[in-house]
Amino acid sequence: MRRNPFWLLLAVAMGVALGYWWNHRIAKKPGTLPPAAAVSAVRPEVPIQDNKTIDFSSGQPVVKESAQEKAIIDAAAKDMADATKNIRFEPTAPPAETKSSEPAKSPSKP
């Protein structure tokens, strides 16, 4: 007995539609935030500042500026400068243009 593949296709389509609805149902409820906005509301933005570190160990961002942190940052910057001091990036040569002595042919009209 041969089964009709229509029912399998219908079941897969219904599963996809149900999964899409289930995944996006929060965004359509009034008074709720969509997932992207909910993440940004939970995690406050902290501007990056030179020679300072941001500590997230307490669960909240805390900007730290101490002599020990500054020494660590300076040592890391020195290590990066030493690692990249011999690296040079040269511009690449432009591709050679091919010039032909014949003008370009226009397509023939039918």
PDB file of N, CA and C in Angstrom:
ATOM      1  N   MET A   1       0.843  -1.173   0.000  1.00  0.00           N
ATOM      2  CA  MET A   1       0.000   0.000   0.000  1.00  0.00           C
ATOM      3  C   MET A   1       0.893   1.244   0.000  1.00  0.00           C
ATOM      4  N   ARG A   2       0.663   2.124  -0.934  1.00  0.00           N
ATOM      5  CA  ARG A   2       1.476   3.327  -1.068  1.00  0.00           C
ATOM      6  C   ARG A   2       0.783   4.489  -0.367  1.00  0.00           C
ATOM      7  N   ARG A   3       1.568   5.235   0.434  1.00  0.00           N
ATOM      8  CA  ARG A   3       0.997   6.365   1.171  1.00  0.00           C
ATOM      9  C   ARG A   3       1.137   7.639   0.351  1.00  0.00           C
ATOM     10  N   ASN A   4       0.228   8.527   0.541  1.00  0.00           N
ATOM     11  CA  ASN A   4       0.225   9.795  -0.157  1.00  0.00           C
ATOM     12  C   ASN A   4       1.188  10.761   0.552  1.00  0.00           C
ATOM     13  N   PRO A   5       2.202  11.322  -0.159  1.00  0.00           N
ATOM     14  CA  PRO A   5       3.162  12.224   0.490  1.00  0.00           C
ATOM     15  C   PRO A   5       2.555  13.577   0.859  1.00  0.00           C
ATOM     16  N   PHE A   6       1.330  13.847   0.410  1.00  0.00           N
ATOM     17  CA  PHE A   6       0.680  15.110   0.745  1.00  0.00           C
ATOM     18  C   PHE A   6       0.528  15.270   2.249  1.00  0.00           C
ATOM     19  N   TRP A   7       0.157  14.215   2.955  1.00  0.00           N
ATOM     20  CA  TRP A   7      -0.070  14.316   4.403  1.00  0.00           C
ATOM     21  C   TRP A   7       1.235  14.564   5.147  1.00  0.00           C
ATOM     22  N   LEU A   8       2.316  13.978   4.679  1.00  0.00           N
ATOM     23  CA  LEU A   8       3.614  14.229   5.315  1.00  0.00           C
ATOM     24  C   LEU A   8       4.035  15.676   5.104  1.00  0.00           C
ATOM     25  N   LEU A   9       3.859  16.178   3.886  1.00  0.00           N
ATOM     26  CA  LEU A   9       4.186  17.568   3.583  1.00  0.00           C
ATOM     27  C   LEU A   9       3.317  18.519   4.404  1.00  0.00           C
ATOM     28  N   LEU A  10       2.050  18.207   4.536  1.00  0.00           N
ATOM     29  CA  LEU A  10       1.148  19.027   5.336  1.00  0.00           C
ATOM     30  C   LEU A  10       1.562  19.030   6.805  1.00  0.00           C
ATOM     31  N   ALA A  11       1.953  17.883   7.337  1.00  0.00           N
ATOM     32  CA  ALA A  11       2.375  17.802   8.742  1.00  0.00           C
ATOM     33  C   ALA A  11       3.656  18.593   8.972  1.00  0.00           C
ATOM     34  N   VAL A  12       4.606  18.531   8.054  1.00  0.00           N
ATOM     35  CA  VAL A  12       5.856  19.297   8.185  1.00  0.00           C
ATOM     36  C   VAL A  12       5.566  20.789   8.118  1.00  0.00           C
ATOM     37  N   ALA A  13       4.715  21.205   7.186  1.00  0.00           N
ATOM     38  CA  ALA A  13       4.368  22.626   7.067  1.00  0.00           C
ATOM     39  C   ALA A  13       3.672  23.126   8.321  1.00  0.00           C
ATOM     40  N   MET A  14       2.780  22.338   8.883  1.00  0.00           N
ATOM     41  CA  MET A  14       2.106  22.730  10.123  1.00  0.00           C
ATOM     42  C   MET A  14       3.091  22.815  11.280  1.00  0.00           C
ATOM     43  N   GLY A  15       4.044  21.907  11.322  1.00  0.00           N
ATOM     44  CA  GLY A  15       5.064  21.955  12.369  1.00  0.00           C
ATOM     45  C   GLY A  15       5.923  23.196  12.267  1.00  0.00           C
ATOM     46  N   VAL A  16       6.296  23.561  11.048  1.00  0.00           N
ATOM     47  CA  VAL A  16       7.092  24.774  10.850  1.00  0.00           C
ATOM     48  C   VAL A  16       6.287  26.004  11.252  1.00  0.00           C
ATOM     49  N   ALA A  17       5.035  26.069  10.844  1.00  0.00           N
ATOM     50  CA  ALA A  17       4.189  27.213  11.191  1.00  0.00           C
ATOM     51  C   ALA A  17       3.988  27.311  12.703  1.00  0.00           C
ATOM     52  N   LEU A  18       3.751  26.189  13.348  1.00  0.00           N
ATOM     53  CA  LEU A  18       3.579  26.188  14.806  1.00  0.00           C
ATOM     54  C   LEU A  18       4.867  26.604  15.509  1.00  0.00           C
ATOM     55  N   GLY A  19       6.004  26.133  15.031  1.00  0.00           N
ATOM     56  CA  GLY A  19       7.283  26.524  15.621  1.00  0.00           C
ATOM     57  C   GLY A  19       7.564  28.006  15.446  1.00  0.00           C
ATOM     58  N   TYR A  20       7.242  28.554  14.282  1.00  0.00           N
ATOM     59  CA  TYR A  20       7.433  29.989  14.047  1.00  0.00           C
ATOM     60  C   TYR A  20       6.543  30.803  14.978  1.00  0.00           C
ATOM     61  N   TRP A  21       5.289  30.384  15.091  1.00  0.00           N
ATOM     62  CA  TRP A  21       4.375  31.096  15.979  1.00  0.00           C
ATOM     63  C   TRP A  21       4.855  31.028  17.426  1.00  0.00           C
ATOM     64  N   TRP A  22       5.265  29.857  17.874  1.00  0.00           N
ATOM     65  CA  TRP A  22       5.708  29.682  19.261  1.00  0.00           C
ATOM     66  C   TRP A  22       6.939  30.537  19.548  1.00  0.00           C
ATOM     67  N   ASN A  23       7.853  30.631  18.584  1.00  0.00           N
ATOM     68  CA  ASN A  23       9.079  31.392  18.774  1.00  0.00           C
ATOM     69  C   ASN A  23       8.817  32.894  18.779  1.00  0.00           C
ATOM     70  N   HIS A  24       7.829  33.383  18.052  1.00  0.00           N
ATOM     71  CA  HIS A  24       7.587  34.811  17.918  1.00  0.00           C
ATOM     72  C   HIS A  24       6.365  35.303  18.692  1.00  0.00           C
ATOM     73  N   ARG A  25       5.776  34.494  19.543  1.00  0.00           N
ATOM     74  CA  ARG A  25       4.568  34.906  20.243  1.00  0.00           C
ATOM     75  C   ARG A  25       4.831  35.998  21.273  1.00  0.00           C
ATOM     76  N   ILE A  26       6.036  36.088  21.860  1.00  0.00           N
ATOM     77  CA  ILE A  26       6.353  37.111  22.856  1.00  0.00           C
ATOM     78  C   ILE A  26       6.312  38.493  22.236  1.00  0.00           C
ATOM     79  N   ALA A  27       6.786  38.644  21.022  1.00  0.00           N
ATOM     80  CA  ALA A  27       6.847  39.952  20.380  1.00  0.00           C
ATOM     81  C   ALA A  27       5.458  40.517  20.110  1.00  0.00           C
ATOM     82  N   LYS A  28       4.431  39.675  20.016  1.00  0.00           N
ATOM     83  CA  LYS A  28       3.105  40.159  19.671  1.00  0.00           C
ATOM     84  C   LYS A  28       2.239  40.443  20.891  1.00  0.00           C
ATOM     85  N   LYS A  29       2.648  40.020  22.086  1.00  0.00           N
ATOM     86  CA  LYS A  29       1.853  40.302  23.267  1.00  0.00           C
ATOM     87  C   LYS A  29       2.006  41.766  23.643  1.00  0.00           C
ATOM     88  N   PRO A  30       0.908  42.455  23.944  1.00  0.00           N
ATOM     89  CA  PRO A  30       1.037  43.855  24.344  1.00  0.00           C
ATOM     90  C   PRO A  30       1.741  43.977  25.689  1.00  0.00           C
ATOM     91  N   GLY A  31       2.617  44.955  25.781  1.00  0.00           N
ATOM     92  CA  GLY A  31       3.321  45.195  27.038  1.00  0.00           C
ATOM     93  C   GLY A  31       4.580  44.376  27.218  1.00  0.00           C
ATOM     94  N   THR A  32       4.944  43.570  26.239  1.00  0.00           N
ATOM     95  CA  THR A  32       6.174  42.785  26.339  1.00  0.00           C
ATOM     96  C   THR A  32       7.161  43.275  25.302  1.00  0.00           C
ATOM     97  N   LEU A  33       8.419  43.041  25.559  1.00  0.00           N
ATOM     98  CA  LEU A  33       9.473  43.461  24.651  1.00  0.00           C
ATOM     99  C   LEU A  33       9.877  42.304  23.754  1.00  0.00           C
ATOM    100  N   PRO A  34      10.240  42.588  22.519  1.00  0.00           N
ATOM    101  CA  PRO A  34      10.788  41.512  21.684  1.00  0.00           C
ATOM    102  C   PRO A  34      12.131  41.067  22.241  1.00  0.00           C
ATOM    103  N   PRO A  35      12.607  39.876  21.883  1.00  0.00           N
ATOM    104  CA  PRO A  35      13.835  39.340  22.476  1.00  0.00           C
ATOM    105  C   PRO A  35      15.051  40.252  22.361  1.00  0.00           C
ATOM    106  N   ALA A  36      15.273  40.918  21.238  1.00  0.00           N
ATOM    107  CA  ALA A  36      16.452  41.776  21.090  1.00  0.00           C
ATOM    108  C   ALA A  36      16.379  42.972  22.032  1.00  0.00           C
ATOM    109  N   ALA A  37      15.204  43.573  22.156  1.00  0.00           N
ATOM    110  CA  ALA A  37      15.053  44.724  23.039  1.00  0.00           C
ATOM    111  C   ALA A  37      15.127  44.288  24.502  1.00  0.00           C
ATOM    112  N   ALA A  38      14.660  43.084  24.805  1.00  0.00           N
ATOM    113  CA  ALA A  38      14.708  42.605  26.180  1.00  0.00           C
ATOM    114  C   ALA A  38      16.147  42.433  26.636  1.00  0.00           C
ATOM    115  N   VAL A  39      17.015  41.962  25.761  1.00  0.00           N
ATOM    116  CA  VAL A  39      18.419  41.778  26.120  1.00  0.00           C
ATOM    117  C   VAL A  39      19.081  43.113  26.389  1.00  0.00           C
ATOM    118  N   SER A  40      18.818  44.120  25.546  1.00  0.00           N
ATOM    119  CA  SER A  40      19.452  45.411  25.752  1.00  0.00           C
ATOM    120  C   SER A  40      18.900  46.111  26.988  1.00  0.00           C
ATOM    121  N   ALA A  41      17.650  45.814  27.384  1.00  0.00           N
ATOM    122  CA  ALA A  41      17.093  46.419  28.586  1.00  0.00           C
ATOM    123  C   ALA A  41      17.705  45.806  29.841  1.00  0.00           C
ATOM    124  N   VAL A  42      18.110  44.541  29.767  1.00  0.00           N
ATOM    125  CA  VAL A  42      18.690  43.875  30.924  1.00  0.00           C
ATOM    126  C   VAL A  42      20.156  44.240  31.094  1.00  0.00           C
ATOM    127  N   ARG A  43      20.883  44.368  29.992  1.00  0.00           N
ATOM    128  CA  ARG A  43      22.317  44.672  30.036  1.00  0.00           C
ATOM    129  C   ARG A  43      22.544  46.137  29.695  1.00  0.00           C
ATOM    130  N   PRO A  44      22.860  46.959  30.693  1.00  0.00           N
ATOM    131  CA  PRO A  44      23.087  48.373  30.394  1.00  0.00           C
ATOM    132  C   PRO A  44      24.371  48.569  29.587  1.00  0.00           C
ATOM    133  N   GLU A  45      24.373  49.590  28.748  1.00  0.00           N
ATOM    134  CA  GLU A  45      25.556  49.892  27.952  1.00  0.00           C
ATOM    135  C   GLU A  45      26.551  50.677  28.799  1.00  0.00           C
ATOM    136  N   VAL A  46      27.819  50.301  28.683  1.00  0.00           N
ATOM    137  CA  VAL A  46      28.887  50.989  29.389  1.00  0.00           C
ATOM    138  C   VAL A  46      29.875  51.466  28.337  1.00  0.00           C
ATOM    139  N   PRO A  47      30.144  52.768  28.286  1.00  0.00           N
ATOM    140  CA  PRO A  47      31.093  53.243  27.273  1.00  0.00           C
ATOM    141  C   PRO A  47      32.511  52.758  27.587  1.00  0.00           C
ATOM    142  N   ILE A  48      33.244  52.410  26.543  1.00  0.00           N
ATOM    143  CA  ILE A  48      34.625  51.961  26.694  1.00  0.00           C
ATOM    144  C   ILE A  48      35.500  53.187  26.928  1.00  0.00           C
ATOM    145  N   GLN A  49      36.365  53.092  27.924  1.00  0.00           N
ATOM    146  CA  GLN A  49      37.241  54.204  28.269  1.00  0.00           C
ATOM    147  C   GLN A  49      38.681  53.722  28.195  1.00  0.00           C
ATOM    148  N   ASP A  50      39.572  54.594  27.705  1.00  0.00           N
ATOM    149  CA  ASP A  50      40.976  54.223  27.564  1.00  0.00           C
ATOM    150  C   ASP A  50      41.610  53.975  28.934  1.00  0.00           C
ATOM    151  N   ASN A  51      42.455  52.931  28.989  1.00  0.00           N
ATOM    152  CA  ASN A  51      43.231  52.559  30.180  1.00  0.00           C
ATOM    153  C   ASN A  51      42.366  52.262  31.395  1.00  0.00           C
ATOM    154  N   LYS A  52      41.173  51.785  31.173  1.00  0.00           N
ATOM    155  CA  LYS A  52      40.292  51.350  32.253  1.00  0.00           C
ATOM    156  C   LYS A  52      39.734  49.990  31.882  1.00  0.00           C
ATOM    157  N   THR A  53      39.367  49.220  32.894  1.00  0.00           N
ATOM    158  CA  THR A  53      38.789  47.901  32.644  1.00  0.00           C
ATOM    159  C   THR A  53      37.346  47.885  33.130  1.00  0.00           C
ATOM    160  N   ILE A  54      36.567  46.980  32.559  1.00  0.00           N
ATOM    161  CA  ILE A  54      35.176  46.803  32.969  1.00  0.00           C
ATOM    162  C   ILE A  54      35.068  45.424  33.597  1.00  0.00           C
ATOM    163  N   ASP A  55      34.646  45.377  34.848  1.00  0.00           N
ATOM    164  CA  ASP A  55      34.540  44.126  35.596  1.00  0.00           C
ATOM    165  C   ASP A  55      33.080  43.684  35.618  1.00  0.00           C
ATOM    166  N   PHE A  56      32.811  42.475  35.107  1.00  0.00           N
ATOM    167  CA  PHE A  56      31.458  41.933  35.086  1.00  0.00           C
ATOM    168  C   PHE A  56      31.278  40.822  36.112  1.00  0.00           C
ATOM    169  N   SER A  57      32.217  40.625  37.011  1.00  0.00           N
ATOM    170  CA  SER A  57      32.155  39.494  37.939  1.00  0.00           C
ATOM    171  C   SER A  57      30.991  39.600  38.919  1.00  0.00           C
ATOM    172  N   SER A  58      30.521  40.794  39.212  1.00  0.00           N
ATOM    173  CA  SER A  58      29.403  40.952  40.141  1.00  0.00           C
ATOM    174  C   SER A  58      28.050  40.844  39.437  1.00  0.00           C
ATOM    175  N   GLY A  59      28.059  40.717  38.123  1.00  0.00           N
ATOM    176  CA  GLY A  59      26.823  40.660  37.368  1.00  0.00           C
ATOM    177  C   GLY A  59      26.458  42.005  36.772  1.00  0.00           C
ATOM    178  N   GLN A  60      27.066  43.051  37.228  1.00  0.00           N
ATOM    179  CA  GLN A  60      26.851  44.395  36.707  1.00  0.00           C
ATOM    180  C   GLN A  60      28.182  44.945  36.221  1.00  0.00           C
ATOM    181  N   PRO A  61      28.188  45.774  35.184  1.00  0.00           N
ATOM    182  CA  PRO A  61      29.453  46.347  34.712  1.00  0.00           C
ATOM    183  C   PRO A  61      29.969  47.412  35.682  1.00  0.00           C
ATOM    184  N   VAL A  62      31.223  47.241  36.100  1.00  0.00           N
ATOM    185  CA  VAL A  62      31.854  48.198  37.000  1.00  0.00           C
ATOM    186  C   VAL A  62      33.172  48.625  36.352  1.00  0.00           C
ATOM    187  N   VAL A  63      33.336  49.931  36.121  1.00  0.00           N
ATOM    188  CA  VAL A  63      34.551  50.453  35.515  1.00  0.00           C
ATOM    189  C   VAL A  63      35.604  50.592  36.603  1.00  0.00           C
ATOM    190  N   LYS A  64      36.776  49.994  36.363  1.00  0.00           N
ATOM    191  CA  LYS A  64      37.861  50.031  37.347  1.00  0.00           C
ATOM    192  C   LYS A  64      39.042  50.793  36.776  1.00  0.00           C
ATOM    193  N   GLU A  65      39.684  51.557  37.651  1.00  0.00           N
ATOM    194  CA  GLU A  65      40.905  52.255  37.284  1.00  0.00           C
ATOM    195  C   GLU A  65      41.828  52.205  38.496  1.00  0.00           C
ATOM    196  N   SER A  66      42.844  51.331  38.425  1.00  0.00           N
ATOM    197  CA  SER A  66      43.799  51.213  39.523  1.00  0.00           C
ATOM    198  C   SER A  66      45.202  51.083  38.929  1.00  0.00           C
ATOM    199  N   ALA A  67      46.194  51.242  39.766  1.00  0.00           N
ATOM    200  CA  ALA A  67      47.581  51.140  39.305  1.00  0.00           C
ATOM    201  C   ALA A  67      47.883  49.729  38.801  1.00  0.00           C
ATOM    202  N   GLN A  68      47.360  48.732  39.479  1.00  0.00           N
ATOM    203  CA  GLN A  68      47.592  47.339  39.071  1.00  0.00           C
ATOM    204  C   GLN A  68      46.958  47.076  37.693  1.00  0.00           C
ATOM    205  N   GLU A  69      45.727  47.527  37.482  1.00  0.00           N
ATOM    206  CA  GLU A  69      45.060  47.354  36.194  1.00  0.00           C
ATOM    207  C   GLU A  69      45.816  48.102  35.090  1.00  0.00           C
ATOM    208  N   LYS A  70      46.294  49.303  35.391  1.00  0.00           N
ATOM    209  CA  LYS A  70      47.034  50.087  34.396  1.00  0.00           C
ATOM    210  C   LYS A  70      48.337  49.380  34.021  1.00  0.00           C
ATOM    211  N   ALA A  71      49.031  48.764  35.003  1.00  0.00           N
ATOM    212  CA  ALA A  71      50.266  48.033  34.712  1.00  0.00           C
ATOM    213  C   ALA A  71      49.987  46.831  33.811  1.00  0.00           C
ATOM    214  N   ILE A  72      48.874  46.146  34.044  1.00  0.00           N
ATOM    215  CA  ILE A  72      48.506  44.995  33.214  1.00  0.00           C
ATOM    216  C   ILE A  72      48.207  45.449  31.785  1.00  0.00           C
ATOM    217  N   ILE A  73      47.472  46.553  31.652  1.00  0.00           N
ATOM    218  CA  ILE A  73      47.137  47.075  30.320  1.00  0.00           C
ATOM    219  C   ILE A  73      48.400  47.508  29.586  1.00  0.00           C
ATOM    220  N   ASP A  74      49.313  48.203  30.282  1.00  0.00           N
ATOM    221  CA  ASP A  74      50.559  48.650  29.648  1.00  0.00           C
ATOM    222  C   ASP A  74      51.420  47.467  29.211  1.00  0.00           C
ATOM    223  N   ALA A  75      51.493  46.419  30.036  1.00  0.00           N
ATOM    224  CA  ALA A  75      52.274  45.230  29.672  1.00  0.00           C
ATOM    225  C   ALA A  75      51.665  44.542  28.446  1.00  0.00           C
ATOM    226  N   ALA A  76      50.341  44.463  28.393  1.00  0.00           N
ATOM    227  CA  ALA A  76      49.686  43.836  27.244  1.00  0.00           C
ATOM    228  C   ALA A  76      49.900  44.663  25.980  1.00  0.00           C
ATOM    229  N   ALA A  77      49.812  45.988  26.100  1.00  0.00           N
ATOM    230  CA  ALA A  77      50.041  46.854  24.937  1.00  0.00           C
ATOM    231  C   ALA A  77      51.469  46.716  24.435  1.00  0.00           C
ATOM    232  N   LYS A  78      52.440  46.596  25.351  1.00  0.00           N
ATOM    233  CA  LYS A  78      53.838  46.420  24.956  1.00  0.00           C
ATOM    234  C   LYS A  78      54.024  45.083  24.245  1.00  0.00           C
ATOM    235  N   ASP A  79      53.404  44.034  24.769  1.00  0.00           N
ATOM    236  CA  ASP A  79      53.495  42.714  24.121  1.00  0.00           C
ATOM    237  C   ASP A  79      52.913  42.749  22.707  1.00  0.00           C
ATOM    238  N   MET A  80      51.784  43.422  22.537  1.00  0.00           N
ATOM    239  CA  MET A  80      51.173  43.508  21.203  1.00  0.00           C
ATOM    240  C   MET A  80      52.049  44.321  20.256  1.00  0.00           C
ATOM    241  N   ALA A  81      52.638  45.398  20.742  1.00  0.00           N
ATOM    242  CA  ALA A  81      53.510  46.218  19.896  1.00  0.00           C
ATOM    243  C   ALA A  81      54.754  45.431  19.489  1.00  0.00           C
ATOM    244  N   ASP A  82      55.319  44.652  20.411  1.00  0.00           N
ATOM    245  CA  ASP A  82      56.494  43.828  20.092  1.00  0.00           C
ATOM    246  C   ASP A  82      56.147  42.744  19.070  1.00  0.00           C
ATOM    247  N   ALA A  83      54.956  42.172  19.189  1.00  0.00           N
ATOM    248  CA  ALA A  83      54.559  41.091  18.282  1.00  0.00           C
ATOM    249  C   ALA A  83      54.299  41.600  16.870  1.00  0.00           C
ATOM    250  N   THR A  84      53.925  42.857  16.736  1.00  0.00           N
ATOM    251  CA  THR A  84      53.551  43.368  15.414  1.00  0.00           C
ATOM    252  C   THR A  84      54.548  44.375  14.846  1.00  0.00           C
ATOM    253  N   LYS A  85      55.702  44.529  15.479  1.00  0.00           N
ATOM    254  CA  LYS A  85      56.623  45.577  15.022  1.00  0.00           C
ATOM    255  C   LYS A  85      57.225  45.292  13.644  1.00  0.00           C
ATOM    256  N   ASN A  86      57.346  44.045  13.232  1.00  0.00           N
ATOM    257  CA  ASN A  86      57.958  43.717  11.941  1.00  0.00           C
ATOM    258  C   ASN A  86      56.938  43.419  10.850  1.00  0.00           C
ATOM    259  N   ILE A  87      55.684  43.671  11.110  1.00  0.00           N
ATOM    260  CA  ILE A  87      54.644  43.393  10.121  1.00  0.00           C
ATOM    261  C   ILE A  87      54.433  44.630   9.272  1.00  0.00           C
ATOM    262  N   ARG A  88      54.485  44.436   7.952  1.00  0.00           N
ATOM    263  CA  ARG A  88      54.267  45.532   7.005  1.00  0.00           C
ATOM    264  C   ARG A  88      53.221  45.090   5.997  1.00  0.00           C
ATOM    265  N   PHE A  89      52.339  45.963   5.677  1.00  0.00           N
ATOM    266  CA  PHE A  89      51.342  45.700   4.657  1.00  0.00           C
ATOM    267  C   PHE A  89      51.623  46.612   3.480  1.00  0.00           C
ATOM    268  N   GLU A  90      52.008  46.006   2.368  1.00  0.00           N
ATOM    269  CA  GLU A  90      52.305  46.750   1.152  1.00  0.00           C
ATOM    270  C   GLU A  90      51.057  46.792   0.284  1.00  0.00           C
ATOM    271  N   PRO A  91      50.860  47.896  -0.427  1.00  0.00           N
ATOM    272  CA  PRO A  91      49.709  47.919  -1.341  1.00  0.00           C
ATOM    273  C   PRO A  91      49.949  46.954  -2.498  1.00  0.00           C
ATOM    274  N   THR A  92      48.906  46.346  -2.937  1.00  0.00           N
ATOM    275  CA  THR A  92      49.036  45.409  -4.061  1.00  0.00           C
ATOM    276  C   THR A  92      49.047  46.189  -5.368  1.00  0.00           C
ATOM    277  N   ALA A  93      49.697  45.626  -6.355  1.00  0.00           N
ATOM    278  CA  ALA A  93      49.778  46.265  -7.662  1.00  0.00           C
ATOM    279  C   ALA A  93      48.424  46.164  -8.341  1.00  0.00           C
ATOM    280  N   PRO A  94      48.020  47.216  -9.050  1.00  0.00           N
ATOM    281  CA  PRO A  94      46.734  47.131  -9.744  1.00  0.00           C
ATOM    282  C   PRO A  94      46.817  46.086 -10.849  1.00  0.00           C
ATOM    283  N   PRO A  95      45.711  45.463 -11.168  1.00  0.00           N
ATOM    284  CA  PRO A  95      45.733  44.443 -12.225  1.00  0.00           C
ATOM    285  C   PRO A  95      46.093  45.075 -13.564  1.00  0.00           C
ATOM    286  N   ALA A  96      46.860  44.342 -14.340  1.00  0.00           N
ATOM    287  CA  ALA A  96      47.282  44.841 -15.657  1.00  0.00           C
ATOM    288  C   ALA A  96      46.070  44.922 -16.565  1.00  0.00           C
ATOM    289  N   GLU A  97      45.938  46.045 -17.235  1.00  0.00           N
ATOM    290  CA  GLU A  97      44.808  46.217 -18.136  1.00  0.00           C
ATOM    291  C   GLU A  97      45.133  45.581 -19.483  1.00  0.00           C
ATOM    292  N   THR A  98      44.196  44.866 -19.993  1.00  0.00           N
ATOM    293  CA  THR A  98      44.391  44.242 -21.308  1.00  0.00           C
ATOM    294  C   THR A  98      43.781  45.148 -22.349  1.00  0.00           C
ATOM    295  N   LYS A  99      44.612  45.628 -23.234  1.00  0.00           N
ATOM    296  CA  LYS A  99      44.150  46.499 -24.313  1.00  0.00           C
ATOM    297  C   LYS A  99      44.226  45.726 -25.617  1.00  0.00           C
ATOM    298  N   SER A 100      43.148  45.762 -26.325  1.00  0.00           N
ATOM    299  CA  SER A 100      43.153  45.106 -27.633  1.00  0.00           C
ATOM    300  C   SER A 100      43.154  46.187 -28.714  1.00  0.00           C
ATOM    301  N   SER A 101      43.702  45.855 -29.848  1.00  0.00           N
ATOM    302  CA  SER A 101      43.777  46.820 -30.941  1.00  0.00           C
ATOM    303  C   SER A 101      42.434  46.968 -31.649  1.00  0.00           C
ATOM    304  N   GLU A 102      41.536  45.996 -31.448  1.00  0.00           N
ATOM    305  CA  GLU A 102      40.229  46.056 -32.096  1.00  0.00           C
ATOM    306  C   GLU A 102      39.202  46.686 -31.157  1.00  0.00           C
ATOM    307  N   PRO A 103      38.326  47.542 -31.705  1.00  0.00           N
ATOM    308  CA  PRO A 103      37.265  48.106 -30.856  1.00  0.00           C
ATOM    309  C   PRO A 103      36.270  47.019 -30.484  1.00  0.00           C
ATOM    310  N   ALA A 104      35.580  47.233 -29.414  1.00  0.00           N
ATOM    311  CA  ALA A 104      34.591  46.254 -28.965  1.00  0.00           C
ATOM    312  C   ALA A 104      33.477  46.151 -29.998  1.00  0.00           C
ATOM    313  N   LYS A 105      33.045  44.939 -30.244  1.00  0.00           N
ATOM    314  CA  LYS A 105      31.999  44.706 -31.229  1.00  0.00           C
ATOM    315  C   LYS A 105      30.636  44.861 -30.552  1.00  0.00           C
ATOM    316  N   SER A 106      29.745  45.515 -31.259  1.00  0.00           N
ATOM    317  CA  SER A 106      28.377  45.637 -30.736  1.00  0.00           C
ATOM    318  C   SER A 106      27.588  44.417 -31.186  1.00  0.00           C
ATOM    319  N   PRO A 107      26.618  44.027 -30.402  1.00  0.00           N
ATOM    320  CA  PRO A 107      25.845  42.845 -30.791  1.00  0.00           C
ATOM    321  C   PRO A 107      25.058  43.108 -32.071  1.00  0.00           C
ATOM    322  N   SER A 108      24.925  42.091 -32.842  1.00  0.00           N
ATOM    323  CA  SER A 108      24.202  42.237 -34.122  1.00  0.00           C
ATOM    324  C   SER A 108      22.710  42.323 -33.862  1.00  0.00           C
ATOM    325  N   LYS A 109      22.035  43.042 -34.740  1.00  0.00           N
ATOM    326  CA  LYS A 109      20.582  43.200 -34.597  1.00  0.00           C
ATOM    327  C   LYS A 109      19.897  42.109 -35.380  1.00  0.00           C
ATOM    328  N   PRO A 110      18.843  41.533 -34.820  1.00  0.00           N
ATOM    329  CA  PRO A 110      18.128  40.462 -35.539  1.00  0.00           C
ATOM    330  C   PRO A 110      17.268  40.949 -36.654  1.00  0.00           C
TER     331      PRO A 110
END
